[in-house]
Amino acid sequence: MRTLPLSAHAVEEEVRDADMIIGAVLVPGGRTPILINRGMLKTMKRGSVIVDVSIDQGGCVETSRPNDP
């Protein structure tokens, strides 16, 4: 694990190499910005996992949808 400054380029590189992504973005009183788009998802390794913790605010991954119980 490492910490990087947020930039589109850094996110693209990390998504491509990640085994697991945890999206945990908080915007008090607002919608979470989309940080990972469909194009980035296509570059992920097969079997990689995404956990979008910010789903209650819309999610930070373009394709995230809340799970209906």
Protein backbone atom coordinates (compact mmCIF):
# COMPACT_ATOMS: atom_id res chain seq x y z
CA MET A 1 0.00 0.00 0.00
CA ARG A 2 1.13 3.52 -0.73
CA THR A 3 -0.22 7.04 -0.76
CA LEU A 4 -0.13 9.12 -3.95
CA PRO A 5 -1.34 12.60 -4.85
CA LEU A 6 -4.74 12.44 -6.56
CA SER A 7 -4.52 12.88 -10.31
CA ALA A 8 -6.28 11.19 -13.22
CA HIS A 9 -2.96 9.74 -14.39
CA ALA A 10 -2.12 8.26 -10.98
CA VAL A 11 -5.60 6.71 -10.65
CA GLU A 12 -5.37 5.19 -14.16
CA GLU A 13 -2.01 3.59 -13.38
CA GLU A 14 -3.10 2.21 -10.02
CA VAL A 15 -6.40 0.81 -11.36
CA ARG A 16 -4.53 -1.08 -14.07
CA ASP A 17 -2.23 -2.83 -11.57
CA ALA A 18 -4.57 -3.25 -8.58
CA ASP A 19 -5.84 -6.52 -7.17
CA MET A 20 -8.30 -4.63 -4.96
CA ILE A 21 -9.59 -1.06 -4.98
CA ILE A 22 -11.37 0.50 -2.03
CA GLY A 23 -13.17 3.70 -2.99
CA ALA A 24 -13.76 5.75 0.14
CA VAL A 25 -14.50 9.33 -0.85
CA LEU A 26 -16.58 11.64 1.33
CA VAL A 27 -18.16 14.89 0.21
CA PRO A 28 -20.26 16.13 3.14
CA GLY A 29 -23.73 17.01 1.86
CA GLY A 30 -22.87 16.28 -1.77
CA ARG A 31 -22.42 13.58 -4.37
CA THR A 32 -19.15 11.71 -4.55
CA PRO A 33 -17.16 12.56 -7.69
CA ILE A 34 -16.55 9.78 -10.22
CA LEU A 35 -12.85 8.94 -9.92
CA ILE A 36 -12.86 5.62 -11.81
CA ASN A 37 -14.65 5.55 -15.15
CA ARG A 38 -15.69 2.66 -17.43
CA GLY A 39 -12.58 3.03 -19.56
CA MET A 40 -10.34 2.56 -16.52
CA LEU A 41 -12.34 -0.50 -15.46
CA LYS A 42 -11.60 -2.17 -18.80
CA THR A 43 -7.87 -2.03 -18.01
CA MET A 44 -8.22 -3.89 -14.69
CA LYS A 45 -6.82 -7.38 -14.27
CA ARG A 46 -9.31 -10.22 -14.44
CA GLY A 47 -10.48 -11.17 -10.94
CA SER A 48 -9.73 -7.76 -9.40
CA VAL A 49 -12.20 -6.50 -6.79
CA ILE A 50 -13.73 -3.08 -6.17
CA VAL A 51 -15.33 -2.05 -2.87
CA ASP A 52 -17.04 1.33 -3.21
CA VAL A 53 -17.59 2.45 0.37
CA SER A 54 -18.98 5.79 -0.81
CA ILE A 55 -21.95 4.13 -2.54
CA ASP A 56 -24.41 5.88 -0.21
CA GLN A 57 -23.37 9.17 -1.86
CA GLY A 58 -23.52 7.79 -5.40
CA GLY A 59 -20.16 6.01 -5.46
CA CYS A 60 -16.79 7.02 -6.85
CA VAL A 61 -16.80 4.30 -9.53
CA GLU A 62 -18.92 5.06 -12.59
CA THR A 63 -20.59 1.62 -12.65
CA SER A 64 -21.26 1.30 -8.91
CA ARG A 65 -24.84 0.60 -7.90
CA PRO A 66 -26.18 0.00 -4.37
CA ASN A 67 -27.06 -3.61 -3.59
CA ASP A 68 -30.78 -4.07 -2.92
CA PRO A 69 -31.36 -6.24 0.16
